[in-house]
Amino acid sequence: MSGNASTPRFVIVAGEASGDILGANLIASLKEKCPNALFEGIGGPLMEAQGFQSMVPMDRLSVMGLVEVLGRLFELLKIRKRVYEHCIENPPVVFIGIDSPDFTLPLERKLKNKNIPTVHYVSPSVWAWRQKRIFKIKKSVDLMLSLFPFEMPIYQQHNIPVECVGHTLADDIPLKCDRELARKQLGMNVDNGPLFAVLPGSRRGEVERLAPLFISAMEQIVEQEPNAQFIIPAINEERKEQISELLLSSHVSAVIVDGQSREVMIASDAILLASGTAALEAMLVKRPMVVAYRFTQLTYSIMSRMIKVPYVSLPNLLANKLLVPELIQDDATPERLAQTLLSTWKDFEADQNIRDIYLDLHLMLRKQAGDTAANAIIKLIDKKSHEGRG
């Protein structure tokens, strides 16, 4: 790799737990290619474990929904200004924004105007809603790294350099997962009834909206399956306390574990989860699932007018058909969640077709994402370096 220093500096911004996974994987691959490189910006614990220096805790960026962002706008703008000024004072060989497009794309645009190469990793959902964003993206990025094949055409149509790198989860997760081993690792003794994994999200606001709903669904499930057991992974101590408090007012109990969401999903017979990357992970571990989500009413009324695709969950978008049940907003009632989860669990074992589709999608996304992304980024840096010398 050519560059502007013997110690190339990469500035990376990730604002979500899913971005932290991608960022850590990318840094590991870049370190192999550039052993002297420095990595800084905003990231989470997995990126920090790779030697990344985070300017602020990543969870300061973790906010979802149009309305929810407004309450944190001043702080978010202040953080973005700080990252921008840092990049101008100490220009990196490249700036990489991982997901969080409303935060990272305006930053990328300003940096690109200052001749700092910019990469956006994880395509915003321009194929689904707010499609005019494609014109802003074109002004903001030198390279788009997409995770999924269905995202490519819109970038190609607008002559935006794009590479599909697959998903690091598809690389990391075995094609066949061992349920019994996962149960042993978690100390779960499951004798009679089914074990259901319940994932109400990772953010405080999400858990506030979804956990009471999911707990009510658990109560309904126990009425029909008295031996059912429940296991809930909590991303941190704060979420663990929040979920524990909500369970106090319920007559169902659940084992709450620290992190280990993948092991929890592998150990389960079926999964009830909030829409997001967790649905992709559930598909990759080949477990039946029900995807549910509730936004604030105002956010939902705005978004529902803008969305141009028939599905919200990644398994359905990848398959381009209703592969897994989706219960969104008013459809997400405790009764429907319980009934749908029970029927999905019972139908899954007999349905070889859905398991074959899961496997095909898993293989399609296995592209060694970290290496593929790192190679594309190095190629961009070299190209920009040669243009600069030219």
Protein backbone atom coordinates (compact mmCIF):
# COMPACT_ATOMS: atom_id res chain seq x y z
CA MET A 1 0.00 0.00 0.00
CA SER A 2 1.22 3.43 -0.82
CA GLY A 3 0.09 6.24 1.45
CA ASN A 4 1.04 9.60 2.87
CA ALA A 5 3.00 8.23 5.84
CA SER A 6 4.93 5.19 7.01
CA THR A 7 2.32 4.96 9.78
CA PRO A 8 -1.03 5.26 7.97
CA ARG A 9 -3.89 6.56 10.08
CA PHE A 10 -7.42 5.27 9.57
CA VAL A 11 -10.32 7.18 11.08
CA ILE A 12 -13.38 4.95 11.53
CA VAL A 13 -16.78 5.82 13.00
CA ALA A 14 -19.20 3.07 14.08
CA GLY A 15 -22.33 3.90 16.06
CA GLU A 16 -23.95 0.52 16.73
CA ALA A 17 -23.08 -2.89 18.16
CA SER A 18 -23.43 -4.36 14.64
CA GLY A 19 -20.98 -1.74 13.33
CA ASP A 20 -18.54 -2.63 16.10
CA ILE A 21 -18.51 -6.25 14.84
CA LEU A 22 -17.84 -5.13 11.25
CA GLY A 23 -15.26 -2.56 12.38
CA ALA A 24 -13.28 -5.05 14.48
CA ASN A 25 -13.22 -7.53 11.60
CA LEU A 26 -12.10 -4.82 9.16
CA ILE A 27 -9.34 -3.54 11.50
CA ALA A 28 -7.99 -7.08 11.94
CA SER A 29 -7.72 -7.41 8.13
CA LEU A 30 -6.21 -3.93 7.64
CA LYS A 31 -3.61 -4.64 10.36
CA GLU A 32 -2.41 -7.65 8.37
CA LYS A 33 -1.91 -5.46 5.30
CA CYS A 34 -0.61 -2.38 7.17
CA PRO A 35 1.11 -3.59 10.37
CA ASN A 36 2.10 -0.03 11.44
CA ALA A 37 -1.36 1.48 10.95
CA LEU A 38 -3.14 3.51 13.63
CA PHE A 39 -6.92 3.29 14.06
CA GLU A 40 -9.01 5.95 15.78
CA GLY A 41 -12.45 7.60 15.71
CA ILE A 42 -15.54 6.19 17.41
CA GLY A 43 -16.04 2.50 18.05
CA GLY A 44 -17.04 -0.11 20.58
CA PRO A 45 -15.32 -2.75 22.74
CA LEU A 46 -14.58 -5.17 19.89
CA MET A 47 -12.82 -2.45 17.88
CA GLU A 48 -10.97 -1.28 21.00
CA ALA A 49 -9.76 -4.85 21.57
CA GLN A 50 -8.04 -4.52 18.17
CA GLY A 51 -6.10 -1.46 19.42
CA PHE A 52 -8.63 1.13 18.21
CA GLN A 53 -8.70 4.48 20.07
CA SER A 54 -12.27 5.74 20.54
CA MET A 55 -12.75 9.49 21.01
CA VAL A 56 -16.14 9.06 22.75
CA PRO A 57 -18.07 5.96 23.91
CA MET A 58 -19.86 4.38 20.96
CA ASP A 59 -23.20 4.28 22.78
CA ARG A 60 -23.42 8.09 22.54
CA LEU A 61 -24.29 7.53 18.85
CA SER A 62 -26.70 4.60 19.42
CA VAL A 63 -30.08 6.22 18.93
CA MET A 64 -32.86 5.09 16.59
CA GLY A 65 -35.97 6.68 15.14
CA LEU A 66 -36.63 10.10 13.63
CA VAL A 67 -38.20 11.55 16.76
CA GLU A 68 -35.75 10.01 19.23
CA VAL A 69 -32.75 11.63 17.51
CA LEU A 70 -34.15 15.15 18.11
CA GLY A 71 -33.64 14.87 21.88
CA ARG A 72 -29.94 14.16 21.35
CA LEU A 73 -29.30 16.38 18.34
CA PHE A 74 -27.05 18.97 20.00
CA GLU A 75 -24.75 16.33 21.46
CA LEU A 76 -24.57 14.40 18.16
CA LEU A 77 -23.69 17.55 16.19
CA LYS A 78 -20.98 18.43 18.72
CA ILE A 79 -19.43 14.95 18.44
CA ARG A 80 -19.53 15.09 14.63
CA LYS A 81 -17.82 18.51 14.62
CA ARG A 82 -15.10 17.15 16.89
CA VAL A 83 -14.42 14.18 14.56
CA TYR A 84 -14.36 16.50 11.52
CA GLU A 85 -11.88 18.92 13.12
CA HIS A 86 -9.68 16.02 14.18
CA CYS A 87 -9.58 14.73 10.58
CA ILE A 88 -8.75 18.18 9.17
CA GLU A 89 -5.93 18.70 11.70
CA ASN A 90 -4.58 15.13 11.24
CA PRO A 91 -5.72 13.94 7.77
CA PRO A 92 -6.14 10.16 7.69
CA VAL A 93 -5.34 8.05 4.60
CA VAL A 94 -9.07 7.32 4.54
CA PHE A 95 -12.20 7.99 6.56
CA ILE A 96 -14.53 5.00 6.98
CA GLY A 97 -18.11 5.47 8.20
CA ILE A 98 -19.71 2.20 9.30
CA ASP A 99 -23.50 2.36 9.06
CA SER A 100 -25.18 5.18 11.11
CA PRO A 101 -25.73 7.08 7.82
CA ASP A 102 -27.47 10.13 9.28
CA PHE A 103 -24.37 10.74 11.38
CA THR A 104 -21.59 9.59 9.05
CA LEU A 105 -22.70 10.63 5.54
CA PRO A 106 -22.70 14.43 6.19
CA LEU A 107 -19.26 13.99 7.77
CA GLU A 108 -18.06 12.02 4.74
CA ARG A 109 -19.33 14.71 2.38
CA LYS A 110 -17.41 17.47 4.19
CA LEU A 111 -14.24 15.36 4.33
CA LYS A 112 -14.50 14.37 0.66
CA ASN A 113 -14.70 18.09 -0.19
CA LYS A 114 -11.37 18.44 1.65
CA ASN A 115 -9.85 15.67 -0.52
CA ILE A 116 -9.84 13.06 2.23
CA PRO A 117 -10.85 9.68 0.69
CA THR A 118 -14.15 8.44 2.12
CA VAL A 119 -15.65 4.96 2.40
CA HIS A 120 -19.11 4.08 3.66
CA TYR A 121 -19.43 0.52 4.96
CA VAL A 122 -23.04 -0.81 5.04
CA SER A 123 -25.37 0.62 2.46
CA PRO A 124 -28.11 2.90 3.79
CA SER A 125 -31.53 1.51 2.88
CA VAL A 126 -31.89 3.71 -0.21
CA TRP A 127 -33.47 0.79 -2.05
CA ALA A 128 -36.22 0.77 0.63
CA TRP A 129 -36.98 4.38 1.55
CA ARG A 130 -35.78 8.01 1.11
CA GLN A 131 -34.42 7.04 -2.30
CA LYS A 132 -33.32 10.57 -3.17
CA ARG A 133 -30.50 10.10 -0.63
CA ILE A 134 -28.58 8.40 -3.46
CA PHE A 135 -27.62 11.86 -4.79
CA LYS A 136 -26.19 12.89 -1.39
CA ILE A 137 -24.37 9.56 -1.15
CA LYS A 138 -22.75 10.18 -4.53
CA LYS A 139 -21.38 13.52 -3.23
CA SER A 140 -20.23 11.93 0.03
CA VAL A 141 -18.42 8.68 -0.76
CA ASP A 142 -15.54 7.53 -2.91
CA LEU A 143 -16.51 3.91 -2.28
CA MET A 144 -19.61 2.14 -0.96
CA LEU A 145 -19.13 -1.26 0.67
CA SER A 146 -22.44 -3.11 0.63
CA LEU A 147 -23.24 -6.25 2.59
CA PHE A 148 -25.92 -7.73 0.36
CA PRO A 149 -26.21 -8.39 -3.40
CA PHE A 150 -29.68 -6.81 -3.69
CA GLU A 151 -28.16 -3.43 -2.74
CA MET A 152 -25.79 -3.21 -5.72
CA PRO A 153 -28.00 -2.12 -8.67
CA ILE A 154 -28.97 1.33 -7.38
CA TYR A 155 -25.28 2.29 -6.95
CA GLN A 156 -24.33 0.92 -10.36
CA GLN A 157 -27.21 2.88 -11.95
CA HIS A 158 -25.81 6.10 -10.42
CA ASN A 159 -22.14 5.33 -11.19
CA ILE A 160 -21.14 5.18 -7.53
CA PRO A 161 -18.17 2.83 -6.95
CA VAL A 162 -19.55 -0.12 -4.98
CA GLU A 163 -18.33 -3.50 -3.83
CA CYS A 164 -20.41 -6.26 -2.22
CA VAL A 165 -18.30 -7.70 0.60
CA GLY A 166 -20.81 -10.08 2.19
CA HIS A 167 -21.29 -10.16 5.95
CA THR A 168 -18.69 -11.03 8.59
CA LEU A 169 -21.37 -12.94 10.54
CA ALA A 170 -21.74 -15.33 7.58
CA ASP A 171 -17.97 -15.90 7.70
CA ASP A 172 -17.86 -16.43 11.47
CA ILE A 173 -20.92 -18.64 12.01
CA PRO A 174 -20.56 -22.34 11.09
CA LEU A 175 -22.95 -23.70 8.47
CA LYS A 176 -24.29 -26.06 11.14
CA CYS A 177 -24.48 -24.95 14.79
CA ASP A 178 -24.44 -27.31 17.78
CA ARG A 179 -27.52 -26.69 19.94
CA GLU A 180 -26.53 -29.10 22.73
CA LEU A 181 -23.05 -27.59 23.05
CA ALA A 182 -24.52 -24.08 23.28
CA ARG A 183 -26.91 -25.20 26.02
CA LYS A 184 -24.00 -26.71 27.94
CA GLN A 185 -21.96 -23.50 27.60
CA LEU A 186 -24.88 -21.48 28.93
CA GLY A 187 -25.59 -23.94 31.74
CA MET A 188 -29.13 -24.50 30.45
CA ASN A 189 -30.74 -27.76 31.47
CA VAL A 190 -33.66 -28.23 29.06
CA ASP A 191 -35.54 -31.46 29.71
CA ASN A 192 -39.22 -31.33 28.84
CA GLY A 193 -40.33 -28.20 27.04
CA PRO A 194 -38.98 -25.87 24.37
CA LEU A 195 -36.36 -23.18 25.01
CA PHE A 196 -37.28 -19.82 23.48
CA ALA A 197 -34.71 -17.04 23.01
CA VAL A 198 -36.14 -13.56 23.50
CA LEU A 199 -34.21 -10.56 22.15
CA PRO A 200 -35.98 -7.22 22.76
CA GLY A 201 -33.16 -5.08 21.33
CA SER A 202 -29.99 -3.43 22.62
CA ARG A 203 -31.01 0.21 23.19
CA ARG A 204 -32.84 1.53 26.25
CA GLY A 205 -35.74 2.93 24.19
CA GLU A 206 -36.15 -0.31 22.24
CA VAL A 207 -36.22 -2.42 25.39
CA GLU A 208 -38.70 0.03 26.95
CA ARG A 209 -41.09 -0.43 24.02
CA LEU A 210 -40.54 -4.09 23.22
CA ALA A 211 -39.65 -5.97 26.43
CA PRO A 212 -43.10 -5.53 28.11
CA LEU A 213 -44.72 -6.72 24.87
CA PHE A 214 -42.36 -9.72 24.61
CA ILE A 215 -42.86 -10.58 28.30
CA SER A 216 -46.65 -10.56 27.78
CA ALA A 217 -46.13 -12.90 24.82
CA MET A 218 -44.04 -15.17 27.08
CA GLU A 219 -46.98 -15.31 29.53
CA GLN A 220 -49.28 -16.36 26.67
CA ILE A 221 -46.80 -19.03 25.55
CA VAL A 222 -46.62 -20.58 29.03
CA GLU A 223 -50.41 -20.97 29.05
CA GLN A 224 -50.09 -23.24 26.00
CA GLU A 225 -46.66 -24.74 26.72
CA PRO A 226 -46.35 -24.91 30.56
CA ASN A 227 -42.82 -26.35 30.35
CA ALA A 228 -41.48 -23.61 28.07
CA GLN A 229 -38.29 -21.91 29.20
CA PHE A 230 -37.00 -18.48 28.19
CA ILE A 231 -33.51 -17.06 27.86
CA ILE A 232 -32.72 -13.38 27.23
CA PRO A 233 -29.28 -11.99 26.34
CA ALA A 234 -28.54 -8.47 27.67
CA ILE A 235 -25.93 -6.41 25.82
CA ASN A 236 -24.71 -4.70 29.01
CA GLU A 237 -25.38 -4.39 32.75
CA GLU A 238 -27.79 -1.49 32.22
CA ARG A 239 -30.01 -3.50 29.85
CA LYS A 240 -29.79 -6.49 32.21
CA GLU A 241 -31.13 -4.40 35.10
CA GLN A 242 -33.83 -2.88 32.88
CA ILE A 243 -35.08 -6.30 31.72
CA SER A 244 -34.87 -7.77 35.25
CA GLU A 245 -37.06 -4.95 36.60
CA LEU A 246 -39.66 -5.50 33.88
CA LEU A 247 -39.77 -9.23 34.66
CA LEU A 248 -40.51 -8.56 38.35
CA SER A 249 -44.13 -7.67 37.57
CA SER A 250 -44.62 -10.85 35.49
CA HIS A 251 -45.44 -14.39 36.55
CA VAL A 252 -42.98 -15.84 34.00
CA SER A 253 -39.30 -16.19 34.68
CA ALA A 254 -36.36 -16.07 32.29
CA VAL A 255 -32.63 -16.64 32.47
CA ILE A 256 -30.88 -13.36 31.62
CA VAL A 257 -27.30 -13.78 30.40
CA ASP A 258 -24.53 -11.26 29.80
CA GLY A 259 -24.11 -10.83 26.04
CA GLN A 260 -23.65 -14.19 24.28
CA SER A 261 -26.62 -13.49 22.01
CA ARG A 262 -25.33 -15.90 19.37
CA GLU A 263 -24.95 -18.77 21.86
CA VAL A 264 -28.44 -17.96 23.16
CA MET A 265 -29.89 -18.18 19.65
CA ILE A 266 -28.03 -21.41 18.87
CA ALA A 267 -29.24 -22.96 22.16
CA SER A 268 -32.87 -22.10 21.45
CA ASP A 269 -35.68 -23.97 19.73
CA ALA A 270 -37.11 -20.71 18.34
CA ILE A 271 -36.46 -16.99 18.65
CA LEU A 272 -38.61 -13.90 19.26
CA LEU A 273 -36.60 -10.84 18.31
CA ALA A 274 -36.57 -7.17 17.43
CA SER A 275 -36.01 -6.41 13.76
CA GLY A 276 -32.36 -5.73 12.91
CA THR A 277 -29.07 -7.59 12.52
CA ALA A 278 -30.29 -10.17 15.07
CA ALA A 279 -32.68 -11.52 12.42
CA LEU A 280 -29.74 -12.12 10.07
CA GLU A 281 -27.85 -13.89 12.86
CA ALA A 282 -30.91 -16.04 13.67
CA MET A 283 -31.09 -17.04 10.00
CA LEU A 284 -27.37 -17.90 9.94
CA VAL A 285 -27.69 -20.16 13.02
CA LYS A 286 -30.70 -21.77 11.25
CA ARG A 287 -33.35 -21.25 13.91
CA PRO A 288 -37.05 -20.45 13.39
CA MET A 289 -37.91 -16.89 14.36
CA VAL A 290 -40.60 -14.25 14.61
CA VAL A 291 -39.49 -10.69 13.89
CA ALA A 292 -41.36 -7.92 15.72
CA TYR A 293 -40.96 -4.19 16.14
CA ARG A 294 -42.77 -1.16 17.49
CA PHE A 295 -41.70 2.41 16.81
CA THR A 296 -43.10 5.47 18.53
CA GLN A 297 -46.37 6.32 16.80
CA LEU A 298 -44.98 9.48 15.18
CA THR A 299 -41.85 7.74 13.85
CA TYR A 300 -43.97 4.92 12.46
CA SER A 301 -46.47 7.23 10.75
CA ILE A 302 -43.62 9.08 9.03
CA MET A 303 -41.64 5.96 8.06
CA SER A 304 -44.60 3.90 6.85
CA ARG A 305 -45.32 6.51 4.16
CA MET A 306 -41.73 6.39 2.93
CA ILE A 307 -40.95 2.66 2.87
CA LYS A 308 -40.92 1.17 -0.63
CA VAL A 309 -40.26 -2.52 0.13
CA PRO A 310 -42.70 -5.19 1.35
CA TYR A 311 -40.45 -6.55 4.13
CA VAL A 312 -38.40 -5.18 7.03
CA SER A 313 -36.26 -8.18 8.05
CA LEU A 314 -33.06 -9.20 6.30
CA PRO A 315 -33.96 -12.88 5.77
CA ASN A 316 -37.07 -11.83 3.83
CA LEU A 317 -35.23 -9.12 1.86
CA LEU A 318 -32.46 -11.58 0.94
CA ALA A 319 -34.93 -14.31 -0.06
CA ASN A 320 -37.23 -11.74 -1.71
CA LYS A 321 -40.21 -13.47 -0.14
CA LEU A 322 -41.88 -13.90 3.25
CA LEU A 323 -39.49 -16.44 4.74
CA VAL A 324 -39.99 -15.45 8.39
CA PRO A 325 -43.08 -13.87 10.03
CA GLU A 326 -42.96 -10.11 10.63
CA LEU A 327 -45.27 -8.48 13.16
CA ILE A 328 -44.79 -4.72 13.07
CA GLN A 329 -46.46 -1.95 15.10
CA ASP A 330 -50.19 -2.71 15.67
CA ASP A 331 -49.73 -6.31 14.45
CA ALA A 332 -47.31 -6.92 17.31
CA THR A 333 -49.76 -7.96 20.03
CA PRO A 334 -48.84 -10.46 22.77
CA GLU A 335 -51.43 -12.94 21.47
CA ARG A 336 -50.18 -12.82 17.88
CA LEU A 337 -46.52 -12.96 18.90
CA ALA A 338 -47.14 -16.03 21.08
CA GLN A 339 -49.30 -17.86 18.55
CA THR A 340 -46.96 -17.11 15.64
CA LEU A 341 -43.85 -18.14 17.56
CA LEU A 342 -45.41 -21.43 18.64
CA SER A 343 -46.63 -22.32 15.16
CA THR A 344 -43.33 -21.25 13.53
CA TRP A 345 -41.39 -23.43 15.99
CA LYS A 346 -43.64 -26.45 15.37
CA ASP A 347 -43.59 -26.06 11.57
CA PHE A 348 -39.85 -25.46 11.22
CA GLU A 349 -38.46 -28.93 11.93
CA ALA A 350 -40.68 -30.48 9.26
CA ASP A 351 -39.92 -27.80 6.67
CA GLN A 352 -36.72 -28.82 4.85
CA ASN A 353 -37.34 -26.12 2.22
CA ILE A 354 -36.88 -23.19 4.60
CA ARG A 355 -33.72 -24.75 6.05
CA ASP A 356 -32.31 -25.19 2.53
CA ILE A 357 -33.04 -21.51 1.78
CA TYR A 358 -31.30 -20.48 5.04
CA LEU A 359 -28.23 -22.47 3.96
CA ASP A 360 -28.21 -21.03 0.41
CA LEU A 361 -28.41 -17.48 1.79
CA HIS A 362 -25.63 -18.23 4.28
CA LEU A 363 -23.34 -19.46 1.48
CA MET A 364 -24.19 -16.43 -0.67
CA LEU A 365 -23.06 -14.04 2.10
CA ARG A 366 -19.78 -15.87 2.82
CA LYS A 367 -17.24 -13.66 1.08
CA GLN A 368 -14.54 -13.15 3.78
CA ALA A 369 -16.00 -9.69 4.44
CA GLY A 370 -13.08 -8.22 6.41
CA ASP A 371 -10.48 -9.13 3.79
CA THR A 372 -12.70 -8.17 0.84
CA ALA A 373 -13.48 -4.78 2.43
CA ALA A 374 -9.83 -4.17 3.39
CA ASN A 375 -8.62 -4.97 -0.15
CA ALA A 376 -11.16 -2.56 -1.66
CA ILE A 377 -10.12 0.19 0.80
CA ILE A 378 -6.38 -0.29 0.12
CA LYS A 379 -7.10 -0.16 -3.63
CA LEU A 380 -8.98 3.15 -3.14
CA ILE A 381 -6.12 4.64 -1.05
CA ASP A 382 -3.58 3.66 -3.73
CA LYS A 383 -5.75 5.12 -6.48
CA LYS A 384 -6.18 8.43 -4.59
CA SER A 385 -2.46 8.49 -3.80
CA HIS A 386 -1.54 8.08 -7.48
CA GLU A 387 -4.08 10.77 -8.48
CA GLY A 388 -2.52 13.10 -5.91
CA ARG A 389 0.96 12.51 -7.31
CA GLY A 390 -0.34 12.84 -10.86
